[in-house]
């Protein structure tokens, strides 16, 4: 008897988000959390236009529905803990979902999306050193028999990150209140300074916050069997040094951004910084980094509608200094972000 195995379904597929799944109050709460993932409920409630109890209840409901989650994420270049390698992978016909499931299980995968265009999957591998990267990409690559081709680009400097993205759903006063010290990574000085490794306590704090970025200090202290004051100081140090940031994981479609895509650009030498600074300021830019390879500027972008890509290509990409070539890969589904399965929020 022939046994037919069911096709992998990416955990029955992540429920496709749409704006009508939540209301305007939910969106304002999410927008406030995007500005400051650990903001007190009093501030979130103020800018959402509701009470603290309602804001917290709404957030808990969104999380239980696997629509939003806040996590802490370490800043790789400031801590020297690892480096990022973005991989564009082509899968064998009909094997994209199976490959995605295999890759998503790897702890080294920070981000994973199924896309359309010149690639089938975009994978962000994070490796401690060249030896681990060599082993991962050339000896132990999950689903290697399902892959027909790959292209690797190493991230070498960040212009802006998803943690700094502003949804545009709250007024400038809310941004100033919730994110008073906002500065983009490209404004940072001291790129040549040696990274500062995490202490054992700092590493333990980061590990716990990677599961839930809104854990109270008291809960963290109990989990780590340390006193609250030492844990609070460690957390403050991490944030002040820029070693830890907080991500609010949510499908952009819930916030009214139906077009999500990766942008791959080839910029002439000598124009890369100017192009990066210009593109980082665009409100649809969630992430942007300089990289190695034929695509030396790579971004993760959102727009309200797919039709907006026409003007974006003409007026935004076309206006970049030193542009040689561009490519766009449209997202079908994001399976993993900030090391977290987007379909397994808890």
C-alpha atoms as a PDB file:
ATOM      1  CA  UNK A   1       0.000   0.000   0.000  1.00  0.00           C
ATOM      2  CA  UNK A   2       1.321   3.429  -0.899  1.00  0.00           C
ATOM      3  CA  UNK A   3       1.456   5.888   1.984  1.00  0.00           C
ATOM      4  CA  UNK A   4       0.946   9.480   0.931  1.00  0.00           C
ATOM      5  CA  UNK A   5       2.618  11.900   3.301  1.00  0.00           C
ATOM      6  CA  UNK A   6       0.890  15.255   3.724  1.00  0.00           C
ATOM      7  CA  UNK A   7       2.674  18.224   2.256  1.00  0.00           C
ATOM      8  CA  UNK A   8       4.326  20.544   4.764  1.00  0.00           C
ATOM      9  CA  UNK A   9       2.067  23.470   5.474  1.00  0.00           C
ATOM     10  CA  UNK A  10       4.313  25.862   7.469  1.00  0.00           C
ATOM     11  CA  UNK A  11       2.349  25.075  10.623  1.00  0.00           C
ATOM     12  CA  UNK A  12      -0.890  25.149   8.609  1.00  0.00           C
ATOM     13  CA  UNK A  13       0.438  28.439   7.248  1.00  0.00           C
ATOM     14  CA  UNK A  14       0.530  31.623   9.266  1.00  0.00           C
ATOM     15  CA  UNK A  15      -2.960  33.166   9.235  1.00  0.00           C
ATOM     16  CA  UNK A  16      -2.760  35.838   6.571  1.00  0.00           C
ATOM     17  CA  UNK A  17      -3.164  39.146   8.294  1.00  0.00           C
ATOM     18  CA  UNK A  18      -5.529  41.775   6.971  1.00  0.00           C
ATOM     19  CA  UNK A  19      -6.473  45.186   8.287  1.00  0.00           C
ATOM     20  CA  UNK A  20     -10.047  44.106   9.106  1.00  0.00           C
ATOM     21  CA  UNK A  21      -8.817  41.575  11.706  1.00  0.00           C
ATOM     22  CA  UNK A  22      -8.266  44.379  14.238  1.00  0.00           C
ATOM     23  CA  UNK A  23      -9.734  47.811  14.909  1.00  0.00           C
ATOM     24  CA  UNK A  24      -8.248  51.298  15.152  1.00  0.00           C
ATOM     25  CA  UNK A  25      -7.628  51.030  18.907  1.00  0.00           C
ATOM     26  CA  UNK A  26      -5.629  47.840  18.376  1.00  0.00           C
ATOM     27  CA  UNK A  27      -3.604  49.599  15.679  1.00  0.00           C
ATOM     28  CA  UNK A  28      -2.796  52.549  17.935  1.00  0.00           C
ATOM     29  CA  UNK A  29      -1.674  50.189  20.700  1.00  0.00           C
ATOM     30  CA  UNK A  30       0.563  48.309  18.265  1.00  0.00           C
ATOM     31  CA  UNK A  31       1.923  51.591  16.882  1.00  0.00           C
ATOM     32  CA  UNK A  32       2.838  52.729  20.399  1.00  0.00           C
ATOM     33  CA  UNK A  33       4.572  49.416  21.107  1.00  0.00           C
ATOM     34  CA  UNK A  34       6.462  49.696  17.832  1.00  0.00           C
ATOM     35  CA  UNK A  35       7.827  53.032  19.026  1.00  0.00           C
ATOM     36  CA  UNK A  36       8.757  51.641  22.441  1.00  0.00           C
ATOM     37  CA  UNK A  37       8.319  47.943  23.117  1.00  0.00           C
ATOM     38  CA  UNK A  38       8.773  48.274  26.885  1.00  0.00           C
ATOM     39  CA  UNK A  39       6.868  51.530  27.356  1.00  0.00           C
ATOM     40  CA  UNK A  40       4.690  51.551  30.494  1.00  0.00           C
ATOM     41  CA  UNK A  41       1.018  50.863  29.925  1.00  0.00           C
ATOM     42  CA  UNK A  42       0.216  54.388  31.106  1.00  0.00           C
ATOM     43  CA  UNK A  43       2.049  55.869  28.107  1.00  0.00           C
ATOM     44  CA  UNK A  44       0.681  53.330  25.667  1.00  0.00           C
ATOM     45  CA  UNK A  45      -2.859  53.984  26.904  1.00  0.00           C
ATOM     46  CA  UNK A  46      -2.381  57.747  26.662  1.00  0.00           C
ATOM     47  CA  UNK A  47      -1.433  57.694  22.981  1.00  0.00           C
ATOM     48  CA  UNK A  48      -3.884  54.929  22.120  1.00  0.00           C
ATOM     49  CA  UNK A  49      -6.688  56.966  23.672  1.00  0.00           C
ATOM     50  CA  UNK A  50      -7.884  54.390  26.177  1.00  0.00           C
ATOM     51  CA  UNK A  51      -7.397  53.196  29.760  1.00  0.00           C
ATOM     52  CA  UNK A  52      -4.385  51.228  30.982  1.00  0.00           C
ATOM     53  CA  UNK A  53      -6.481  48.159  31.719  1.00  0.00           C
ATOM     54  CA  UNK A  54      -8.050  48.231  28.258  1.00  0.00           C
ATOM     55  CA  UNK A  55      -4.664  48.704  26.553  1.00  0.00           C
ATOM     56  CA  UNK A  56      -3.202  45.742  28.421  1.00  0.00           C
ATOM     57  CA  UNK A  57      -6.278  43.587  27.821  1.00  0.00           C
ATOM     58  CA  UNK A  58      -6.235  44.383  24.096  1.00  0.00           C
ATOM     59  CA  UNK A  59      -2.521  43.550  23.861  1.00  0.00           C
ATOM     60  CA  UNK A  60      -3.027  40.228  25.644  1.00  0.00           C
ATOM     61  CA  UNK A  61      -5.827  39.375  23.230  1.00  0.00           C
ATOM     62  CA  UNK A  62      -3.685  40.254  20.216  1.00  0.00           C
ATOM     63  CA  UNK A  63      -0.883  38.095  21.538  1.00  0.00           C
ATOM     64  CA  UNK A  64      -3.185  35.154  22.269  1.00  0.00           C
ATOM     65  CA  UNK A  65      -4.404  35.410  18.663  1.00  0.00           C
ATOM     66  CA  UNK A  66      -0.743  35.268  17.529  1.00  0.00           C
ATOM     67  CA  UNK A  67      -0.994  38.693  15.920  1.00  0.00           C
ATOM     68  CA  UNK A  68       1.602  40.623  17.911  1.00  0.00           C
ATOM     69  CA  UNK A  69       4.559  39.902  20.180  1.00  0.00           C
ATOM     70  CA  UNK A  70       7.323  42.010  21.736  1.00  0.00           C
ATOM     71  CA  UNK A  71      10.819  40.552  22.010  1.00  0.00           C
ATOM     72  CA  UNK A  72      14.239  41.780  23.012  1.00  0.00           C
ATOM     73  CA  UNK A  73      16.981  41.391  20.410  1.00  0.00           C
ATOM     74  CA  UNK A  74      20.720  41.867  20.778  1.00  0.00           C
ATOM     75  CA  UNK A  75      22.533  44.323  18.500  1.00  0.00           C
ATOM     76  CA  UNK A  76      25.147  42.170  16.771  1.00  0.00           C
ATOM     77  CA  UNK A  77      27.674  44.803  15.748  1.00  0.00           C
ATOM     78  CA  UNK A  78      27.745  46.441  19.196  1.00  0.00           C
ATOM     79  CA  UNK A  79      28.311  43.200  21.089  1.00  0.00           C
ATOM     80  CA  UNK A  80      30.474  41.279  18.635  1.00  0.00           C
ATOM     81  CA  UNK A  81      28.316  38.254  19.362  1.00  0.00           C
ATOM     82  CA  UNK A  82      27.811  37.250  15.728  1.00  0.00           C
ATOM     83  CA  UNK A  83      27.366  38.509  12.168  1.00  0.00           C
ATOM     84  CA  UNK A  84      24.525  38.381   9.659  1.00  0.00           C
ATOM     85  CA  UNK A  85      24.484  36.700   6.249  1.00  0.00           C
ATOM     86  CA  UNK A  86      21.443  37.215   4.032  1.00  0.00           C
ATOM     87  CA  UNK A  87      20.771  34.349   1.624  1.00  0.00           C
ATOM     88  CA  UNK A  88      18.524  34.429  -1.450  1.00  0.00           C
ATOM     89  CA  UNK A  89      17.561  30.803  -2.098  1.00  0.00           C
ATOM     90  CA  UNK A  90      15.815  29.157  -5.026  1.00  0.00           C
ATOM     91  CA  UNK A  91      13.907  25.984  -4.190  1.00  0.00           C
ATOM     92  CA  UNK A  92      13.069  23.013  -6.351  1.00  0.00           C
ATOM     93  CA  UNK A  93       9.596  23.413  -7.895  1.00  0.00           C
ATOM     94  CA  UNK A  94       6.932  22.732  -5.280  1.00  0.00           C
ATOM     95  CA  UNK A  95       9.446  22.401  -2.425  1.00  0.00           C
ATOM     96  CA  UNK A  96       9.480  25.950  -1.046  1.00  0.00           C
ATOM     97  CA  UNK A  97       7.252  25.217   1.959  1.00  0.00           C
ATOM     98  CA  UNK A  98       9.173  22.093   2.898  1.00  0.00           C
ATOM     99  CA  UNK A  99      12.467  23.966   2.671  1.00  0.00           C
ATOM    100  CA  UNK A 100      11.081  26.848   4.735  1.00  0.00           C
ATOM    101  CA  UNK A 101      10.061  24.505   7.566  1.00  0.00           C
ATOM    102  CA  UNK A 102      13.499  22.889   7.660  1.00  0.00           C
ATOM    103  CA  UNK A 103      15.292  26.224   7.733  1.00  0.00           C
ATOM    104  CA  UNK A 104      12.967  27.762  10.312  1.00  0.00           C
ATOM    105  CA  UNK A 105      13.907  25.074  12.815  1.00  0.00           C
ATOM    106  CA  UNK A 106      17.538  26.171  12.820  1.00  0.00           C
ATOM    107  CA  UNK A 107      18.426  28.449  15.761  1.00  0.00           C
ATOM    108  CA  UNK A 108      20.892  30.317  13.513  1.00  0.00           C
ATOM    109  CA  UNK A 109      18.041  31.611  11.353  1.00  0.00           C
ATOM    110  CA  UNK A 110      16.953  35.041  12.572  1.00  0.00           C
ATOM    111  CA  UNK A 111      14.581  35.929   9.713  1.00  0.00           C
ATOM    112  CA  UNK A 112      12.854  33.851   7.044  1.00  0.00           C
ATOM    113  CA  UNK A 113      10.334  34.829   4.390  1.00  0.00           C
ATOM    114  CA  UNK A 114       8.774  33.074   1.434  1.00  0.00           C
ATOM    115  CA  UNK A 115       8.871  35.483  -1.500  1.00  0.00           C
ATOM    116  CA  UNK A 116       8.259  35.815  -5.224  1.00  0.00           C
ATOM    117  CA  UNK A 117      10.670  37.099  -7.821  1.00  0.00           C
ATOM    118  CA  UNK A 118      14.285  36.106  -8.443  1.00  0.00           C
ATOM    119  CA  UNK A 119      14.298  34.059  -5.204  1.00  0.00           C
ATOM    120  CA  UNK A 120      11.877  31.775  -3.372  1.00  0.00           C
ATOM    121  CA  UNK A 121      13.134  32.322   0.163  1.00  0.00           C
ATOM    122  CA  UNK A 122      15.060  35.057   1.966  1.00  0.00           C
ATOM    123  CA  UNK A 123      16.977  33.760   4.975  1.00  0.00           C
ATOM    124  CA  UNK A 124      19.018  35.698   7.517  1.00  0.00           C
ATOM    125  CA  UNK A 125      21.637  33.404   9.036  1.00  0.00           C
ATOM    126  CA  UNK A 126      23.482  34.631  12.129  1.00  0.00           C
ATOM    127  CA  UNK A 127      26.820  32.960  12.841  1.00  0.00           C
ATOM    128  CA  UNK A 128      29.389  33.495  15.590  1.00  0.00           C
ATOM    129  CA  UNK A 129      32.397  33.203  13.291  1.00  0.00           C
ATOM    130  CA  UNK A 130      33.594  32.056   9.874  1.00  0.00           C
ATOM    131  CA  UNK A 131      33.932  28.467  11.049  1.00  0.00           C
ATOM    132  CA  UNK A 132      30.276  28.305  12.073  1.00  0.00           C
ATOM    133  CA  UNK A 133      29.223  30.043   8.852  1.00  0.00           C
ATOM    134  CA  UNK A 134      31.264  27.603   6.760  1.00  0.00           C
ATOM    135  CA  UNK A 135      29.710  24.643   8.535  1.00  0.00           C
ATOM    136  CA  UNK A 136      26.199  26.023   8.256  1.00  0.00           C
ATOM    137  CA  UNK A 137      26.243  27.131   4.615  1.00  0.00           C
ATOM    138  CA  UNK A 138      28.461  24.445   3.093  1.00  0.00           C
ATOM    139  CA  UNK A 139      28.311  21.357   5.301  1.00  0.00           C
ATOM    140  CA  UNK A 140      25.058  21.333   7.253  1.00  0.00           C
ATOM    141  CA  UNK A 141      22.691  23.516   5.231  1.00  0.00           C
ATOM    142  CA  UNK A 142      19.195  22.229   6.017  1.00  0.00           C
ATOM    143  CA  UNK A 143      17.285  21.012   2.979  1.00  0.00           C
ATOM    144  CA  UNK A 144      20.301  21.321   0.680  1.00  0.00           C
ATOM    145  CA  UNK A 145      18.762  18.733  -1.650  1.00  0.00           C
ATOM    146  CA  UNK A 146      15.720  20.996  -2.057  1.00  0.00           C
ATOM    147  CA  UNK A 147      17.781  24.024  -3.126  1.00  0.00           C
ATOM    148  CA  UNK A 148      18.693  24.766  -6.733  1.00  0.00           C
ATOM    149  CA  UNK A 149      20.699  27.920  -6.100  1.00  0.00           C
ATOM    150  CA  UNK A 150      21.737  30.480  -3.493  1.00  0.00           C
ATOM    151  CA  UNK A 151      23.256  33.938  -3.343  1.00  0.00           C
ATOM    152  CA  UNK A 152      24.913  35.247  -0.189  1.00  0.00           C
ATOM    153  CA  UNK A 153      25.339  38.854   0.923  1.00  0.00           C
ATOM    154  CA  UNK A 154      27.057  39.706   4.202  1.00  0.00           C
ATOM    155  CA  UNK A 155      25.627  42.632   6.177  1.00  0.00           C
ATOM    156  CA  UNK A 156      28.456  45.047   6.992  1.00  0.00           C
ATOM    157  CA  UNK A 157      26.736  48.188   8.300  1.00  0.00           C
ATOM    158  CA  UNK A 158      23.164  49.050   9.284  1.00  0.00           C
ATOM    159  CA  UNK A 159      21.469  52.253   8.153  1.00  0.00           C
ATOM    160  CA  UNK A 160      18.213  51.604  10.016  1.00  0.00           C
ATOM    161  CA  UNK A 161      16.537  48.664  11.732  1.00  0.00           C
ATOM    162  CA  UNK A 162      13.013  47.359  12.175  1.00  0.00           C
ATOM    163  CA  UNK A 163      13.063  48.346  15.846  1.00  0.00           C
ATOM    164  CA  UNK A 164      13.274  52.006  14.767  1.00  0.00           C
ATOM    165  CA  UNK A 165      10.474  51.897  12.210  1.00  0.00           C
ATOM    166  CA  UNK A 166       7.618  54.343  12.762  1.00  0.00           C
ATOM    167  CA  UNK A 167       4.244  53.081  11.536  1.00  0.00           C
ATOM    168  CA  UNK A 168       3.054  56.656  10.987  1.00  0.00           C
ATOM    169  CA  UNK A 169      -0.205  55.896  12.819  1.00  0.00           C
ATOM    170  CA  UNK A 170       0.514  58.169  15.794  1.00  0.00           C
ATOM    171  CA  UNK A 171       1.265  61.902  15.810  1.00  0.00           C
ATOM    172  CA  UNK A 172       4.819  63.304  16.056  1.00  0.00           C
ATOM    173  CA  UNK A 173       4.158  64.155  19.705  1.00  0.00           C
ATOM    174  CA  UNK A 174       3.728  60.451  20.452  1.00  0.00           C
ATOM    175  CA  UNK A 175       7.023  59.653  18.723  1.00  0.00           C
ATOM    176  CA  UNK A 176       8.805  62.338  20.765  1.00  0.00           C
ATOM    177  CA  UNK A 177       7.283  61.020  23.996  1.00  0.00           C
ATOM    178  CA  UNK A 178       7.733  57.290  23.410  1.00  0.00           C
ATOM    179  CA  UNK A 179      11.057  57.475  21.574  1.00  0.00           C
ATOM    180  CA  UNK A 180      12.739  60.687  22.774  1.00  0.00           C
ATOM    181  CA  UNK A 181      16.281  59.615  21.951  1.00  0.00           C
ATOM    182  CA  UNK A 182      15.606  58.410  18.417  1.00  0.00           C
ATOM    183  CA  UNK A 183      18.657  58.296  16.188  1.00  0.00           C
ATOM    184  CA  UNK A 184      19.280  56.209  13.108  1.00  0.00           C
ATOM    185  CA  UNK A 185      22.262  53.839  13.064  1.00  0.00           C
ATOM    186  CA  UNK A 186      23.891  55.750  10.201  1.00  0.00           C
ATOM    187  CA  UNK A 187      24.223  58.724  12.579  1.00  0.00           C
ATOM    188  CA  UNK A 188      26.277  56.621  14.964  1.00  0.00           C
ATOM    189  CA  UNK A 189      29.942  57.415  15.452  1.00  0.00           C
ATOM    190  CA  UNK A 190      32.668  55.021  16.545  1.00  0.00           C
ATOM    191  CA  UNK A 191      32.004  52.237  14.056  1.00  0.00           C
ATOM    192  CA  UNK A 192      35.666  51.309  14.303  1.00  0.00           C
ATOM    193  CA  UNK A 193      35.545  50.836  18.071  1.00  0.00           C
ATOM    194  CA  UNK A 194      35.776  47.282  19.337  1.00  0.00           C
ATOM    195  CA  UNK A 195      32.392  45.748  20.239  1.00  0.00           C
ATOM    196  CA  UNK A 196      31.596  45.245  23.906  1.00  0.00           C
ATOM    197  CA  UNK A 197      30.809  41.612  24.786  1.00  0.00           C
ATOM    198  CA  UNK A 198      27.935  40.869  27.137  1.00  0.00           C
ATOM    199  CA  UNK A 199      28.610  39.933  30.744  1.00  0.00           C
ATOM    200  CA  UNK A 200      27.115  36.655  32.025  1.00  0.00           C
ATOM    201  CA  UNK A 201      24.252  38.543  33.703  1.00  0.00           C
ATOM    202  CA  UNK A 202      23.612  40.681  30.625  1.00  0.00           C
ATOM    203  CA  UNK A 203      23.572  37.583  28.444  1.00  0.00           C
ATOM    204  CA  UNK A 204      21.069  35.942  30.787  1.00  0.00           C
ATOM    205  CA  UNK A 205      18.825  39.030  30.683  1.00  0.00           C
ATOM    206  CA  UNK A 206      18.957  39.077  26.875  1.00  0.00           C
ATOM    207  CA  UNK A 207      18.060  35.371  26.734  1.00  0.00           C
ATOM    208  CA  UNK A 208      14.941  35.865  28.861  1.00  0.00           C
ATOM    209  CA  UNK A 209      13.798  39.002  27.029  1.00  0.00           C
ATOM    210  CA  UNK A 210      14.171  37.218  23.691  1.00  0.00           C
ATOM    211  CA  UNK A 211      11.147  35.157  24.760  1.00  0.00           C
ATOM    212  CA  UNK A 212       9.096  38.080  26.066  1.00  0.00           C
ATOM    213  CA  UNK A 213      10.373  41.632  25.750  1.00  0.00           C
ATOM    214  CA  UNK A 214       7.829  42.996  28.228  1.00  0.00           C
ATOM    215  CA  UNK A 215       8.784  40.804  31.172  1.00  0.00           C
ATOM    216  CA  UNK A 216       8.809  42.932  34.345  1.00  0.00           C
ATOM    217  CA  UNK A 217      12.160  43.303  36.090  1.00  0.00           C
ATOM    218  CA  UNK A 218      10.733  41.466  39.098  1.00  0.00           C
ATOM    219  CA  UNK A 219       9.891  38.457  36.931  1.00  0.00           C
ATOM    220  CA  UNK A 220      13.313  38.577  35.287  1.00  0.00           C
ATOM    221  CA  UNK A 221      15.009  38.649  38.687  1.00  0.00           C
ATOM    222  CA  UNK A 222      13.080  35.604  39.891  1.00  0.00           C
ATOM    223  CA  UNK A 223      13.815  33.681  36.699  1.00  0.00           C
ATOM    224  CA  UNK A 224      17.540  34.444  36.997  1.00  0.00           C
ATOM    225  CA  UNK A 225      17.684  34.079  40.800  1.00  0.00           C
ATOM    226  CA  UNK A 226      19.206  37.543  41.112  1.00  0.00           C
ATOM    227  CA  UNK A 227      18.132  40.639  43.010  1.00  0.00           C
ATOM    228  CA  UNK A 228      15.976  43.159  41.175  1.00  0.00           C
ATOM    229  CA  UNK A 229      18.422  46.043  41.436  1.00  0.00           C
ATOM    230  CA  UNK A 230      21.251  44.177  39.706  1.00  0.00           C
ATOM    231  CA  UNK A 231      18.927  42.975  36.940  1.00  0.00           C
ATOM    232  CA  UNK A 232      17.520  46.485  36.469  1.00  0.00           C
ATOM    233  CA  UNK A 233      21.043  47.938  36.208  1.00  0.00           C
ATOM    234  CA  UNK A 234      22.065  45.288  33.683  1.00  0.00           C
ATOM    235  CA  UNK A 235      18.974  46.022  31.570  1.00  0.00           C
ATOM    236  CA  UNK A 236      19.616  49.770  31.720  1.00  0.00           C
ATOM    237  CA  UNK A 237      23.229  49.267  30.629  1.00  0.00           C
ATOM    238  CA  UNK A 238      22.184  47.127  27.673  1.00  0.00           C
ATOM    239  CA  UNK A 239      19.691  49.714  26.436  1.00  0.00           C
ATOM    240  CA  UNK A 240      21.947  52.730  27.051  1.00  0.00           C
ATOM    241  CA  UNK A 241      24.832  51.133  25.130  1.00  0.00           C
ATOM    242  CA  UNK A 242      22.532  50.209  22.263  1.00  0.00           C
ATOM    243  CA  UNK A 243      23.317  46.533  22.813  1.00  0.00           C
ATOM    244  CA  UNK A 244      19.657  45.589  23.185  1.00  0.00           C
ATOM    245  CA  UNK A 245      16.592  46.802  21.331  1.00  0.00           C
ATOM    246  CA  UNK A 246      12.957  45.735  21.388  1.00  0.00           C
ATOM    247  CA  UNK A 247      11.024  44.478  18.386  1.00  0.00           C
ATOM    248  CA  UNK A 248       7.257  44.491  18.079  1.00  0.00           C
ATOM    249  CA  UNK A 249       6.581  41.599  15.738  1.00  0.00           C
ATOM    250  CA  UNK A 250       3.443  42.131  13.692  1.00  0.00           C
ATOM    251  CA  UNK A 251       2.329  41.548  10.112  1.00  0.00           C
ATOM    252  CA  UNK A 252       2.459  44.948   8.343  1.00  0.00           C
ATOM    253  CA  UNK A 253      -0.882  44.189   6.672  1.00  0.00           C
ATOM    254  CA  UNK A 254      -2.583  44.572  10.063  1.00  0.00           C
ATOM    255  CA  UNK A 255      -1.378  48.174  10.103  1.00  0.00           C
ATOM    256  CA  UNK A 256      -2.528  48.914   6.570  1.00  0.00           C
ATOM    257  CA  UNK A 257       0.660  48.012   4.677  1.00  0.00           C
ATOM    258  CA  UNK A 258      -0.340  45.378   2.158  1.00  0.00           C
ATOM    259  CA  UNK A 259       2.892  45.411   0.118  1.00  0.00           C
ATOM    260  CA  UNK A 260       5.936  43.989   1.903  1.00  0.00           C
ATOM    261  CA  UNK A 261       9.143  43.362  -0.002  1.00  0.00           C
ATOM    262  CA  UNK A 262      12.906  43.099   0.075  1.00  0.00           C
ATOM    263  CA  UNK A 263      14.814  45.613  -2.013  1.00  0.00           C
ATOM    264  CA  UNK A 264      18.184  44.654  -3.505  1.00  0.00           C
ATOM    265  CA  UNK A 265      20.284  47.486  -4.928  1.00  0.00           C
ATOM    266  CA  UNK A 266      23.633  47.831  -6.635  1.00  0.00           C
ATOM    267  CA  UNK A 267      25.110  51.254  -5.850  1.00  0.00           C
ATOM    268  CA  UNK A 268      28.289  52.712  -7.316  1.00  0.00           C
ATOM    269  CA  UNK A 269      31.320  52.870  -4.969  1.00  0.00           C
ATOM    270  CA  UNK A 270      31.535  56.303  -3.422  1.00  0.00           C
ATOM    271  CA  UNK A 271      27.744  56.796  -3.479  1.00  0.00           C
ATOM    272  CA  UNK A 272      26.744  54.024  -1.066  1.00  0.00           C
ATOM    273  CA  UNK A 273      26.507  56.114   2.096  1.00  0.00           C
ATOM    274  CA  UNK A 274      24.556  58.878   0.372  1.00  0.00           C
ATOM    275  CA  UNK A 275      22.099  56.374  -1.100  1.00  0.00           C
ATOM    276  CA  UNK A 276      21.734  54.576   2.229  1.00  0.00           C
ATOM    277  CA  UNK A 277      21.033  57.765   4.164  1.00  0.00           C
ATOM    278  CA  UNK A 278      18.477  58.899   1.601  1.00  0.00           C
ATOM    279  CA  UNK A 279      16.598  55.595   1.544  1.00  0.00           C
ATOM    280  CA  UNK A 280      16.731  55.157   5.341  1.00  0.00           C
ATOM    281  CA  UNK A 281      14.615  58.297   5.722  1.00  0.00           C
ATOM    282  CA  UNK A 282      11.758  56.937   3.597  1.00  0.00           C
ATOM    283  CA  UNK A 283       8.745  56.091   5.813  1.00  0.00           C
ATOM    284  CA  UNK A 284       8.377  52.664   4.192  1.00  0.00           C
ATOM    285  CA  UNK A 285      11.909  51.542   5.114  1.00  0.00           C
ATOM    286  CA  UNK A 286      11.857  49.033   7.973  1.00  0.00           C
ATOM    287  CA  UNK A 287      15.432  47.786   7.618  1.00  0.00           C
ATOM    288  CA  UNK A 288      18.343  48.901   5.476  1.00  0.00           C
ATOM    289  CA  UNK A 289      21.965  47.774   5.452  1.00  0.00           C
ATOM    290  CA  UNK A 290      25.108  47.936   3.394  1.00  0.00           C
ATOM    291  CA  UNK A 291      26.274  44.516   2.246  1.00  0.00           C
ATOM    292  CA  UNK A 292      28.871  42.676   0.201  1.00  0.00           C
ATOM    293  CA  UNK A 293      28.242  41.169  -3.220  1.00  0.00           C
ATOM    294  CA  UNK A 294      26.506  42.494  -6.320  1.00  0.00           C
ATOM    295  CA  UNK A 295      23.731  43.888  -4.115  1.00  0.00           C
ATOM    296  CA  UNK A 296      25.517  46.238  -1.755  1.00  0.00           C
ATOM    297  CA  UNK A 297      22.413  47.934  -0.314  1.00  0.00           C
ATOM    298  CA  UNK A 298      19.624  45.684   0.982  1.00  0.00           C
ATOM    299  CA  UNK A 299      16.334  46.735   2.547  1.00  0.00           C
ATOM    300  CA  UNK A 300      13.080  45.422   3.981  1.00  0.00           C
ATOM    301  CA  UNK A 301      10.247  47.738   2.921  1.00  0.00           C
ATOM    302  CA  UNK A 302       6.492  48.213   3.213  1.00  0.00           C
ATOM    303  CA  UNK A 303       3.941  50.248   1.254  1.00  0.00           C
ATOM    304  CA  UNK A 304       0.174  50.630   1.666  1.00  0.00           C
ATOM    305  CA  UNK A 305      -0.679  48.953  -1.659  1.00  0.00           C
ATOM    306  CA  UNK A 306       1.116  46.838  -4.226  1.00  0.00           C
ATOM    307  CA  UNK A 307       0.213  49.387  -6.891  1.00  0.00           C
ATOM    308  CA  UNK A 308       2.318  51.918  -4.964  1.00  0.00           C
ATOM    309  CA  UNK A 309       5.375  49.996  -6.167  1.00  0.00           C
ATOM    310  CA  UNK A 310       5.122  51.723  -9.533  1.00  0.00           C
ATOM    311  CA  UNK A 311       5.709  55.206  -8.167  1.00  0.00           C
ATOM    312  CA  UNK A 312       8.126  53.856  -5.558  1.00  0.00           C
ATOM    313  CA  UNK A 313      10.279  52.285  -8.264  1.00  0.00           C
ATOM    314  CA  UNK A 314      10.176  55.410 -10.393  1.00  0.00           C
ATOM    315  CA  UNK A 315      10.426  58.143  -7.774  1.00  0.00           C
ATOM    316  CA  UNK A 316      12.219  56.560  -4.788  1.00  0.00           C
ATOM    317  CA  UNK A 317      14.529  53.927  -6.245  1.00  0.00           C
ATOM    318  CA  UNK A 318      15.079  55.948  -9.413  1.00  0.00           C
ATOM    319  CA  UNK A 319      16.155  59.003  -7.411  1.00  0.00           C
ATOM    320  CA  UNK A 320      18.924  57.229  -5.491  1.00  0.00           C
ATOM    321  CA  UNK A 321      22.453  58.458  -6.220  1.00  0.00           C
ATOM    322  CA  UNK A 322      24.763  56.004  -7.960  1.00  0.00           C
ATOM    323  CA  UNK A 323      22.082  53.421  -8.742  1.00  0.00           C
ATOM    324  CA  UNK A 324      23.302  50.713 -11.134  1.00  0.00           C
ATOM    325  CA  UNK A 325      20.660  47.999 -10.739  1.00  0.00           C
ATOM    326  CA  UNK A 326      17.735  46.979  -8.554  1.00  0.00           C
ATOM    327  CA  UNK A 327      15.657  43.909  -7.761  1.00  0.00           C
ATOM    328  CA  UNK A 328      12.497  43.402  -5.700  1.00  0.00           C
ATOM    329  CA  UNK A 329      11.313  40.202  -4.017  1.00  0.00           C
ATOM    330  CA  UNK A 330       7.701  40.420  -2.807  1.00  0.00           C
ATOM    331  CA  UNK A 331       6.807  38.704   0.467  1.00  0.00           C
ATOM    332  CA  UNK A 332       4.206  35.971   0.478  1.00  0.00           C
ATOM    333  CA  UNK A 333       4.579  35.154   4.169  1.00  0.00           C
ATOM    334  CA  UNK A 334       7.118  35.887   6.899  1.00  0.00           C
ATOM    335  CA  UNK A 335       7.773  32.752   8.897  1.00  0.00           C
ATOM    336  CA  UNK A 336      10.407  33.991  11.326  1.00  0.00           C
ATOM    337  CA  UNK A 337      11.520  37.364  12.671  1.00  0.00           C
ATOM    338  CA  UNK A 338      14.009  38.262  15.429  1.00  0.00           C
ATOM    339  CA  UNK A 339      14.610  34.507  15.935  1.00  0.00           C
ATOM    340  CA  UNK A 340      10.890  34.079  16.697  1.00  0.00           C
ATOM    341  CA  UNK A 341       8.403  31.912  14.788  1.00  0.00           C
ATOM    342  CA  UNK A 342       5.681  34.292  13.668  1.00  0.00           C
ATOM    343  CA  UNK A 343       3.096  31.501  13.959  1.00  0.00           C
ATOM    344  CA  UNK A 344       4.123  30.416  17.447  1.00  0.00           C
ATOM    345  CA  UNK A 345       3.766  33.452  19.705  1.00  0.00           C
ATOM    346  CA  UNK A 346       3.132  32.367  23.284  1.00  0.00           C
END
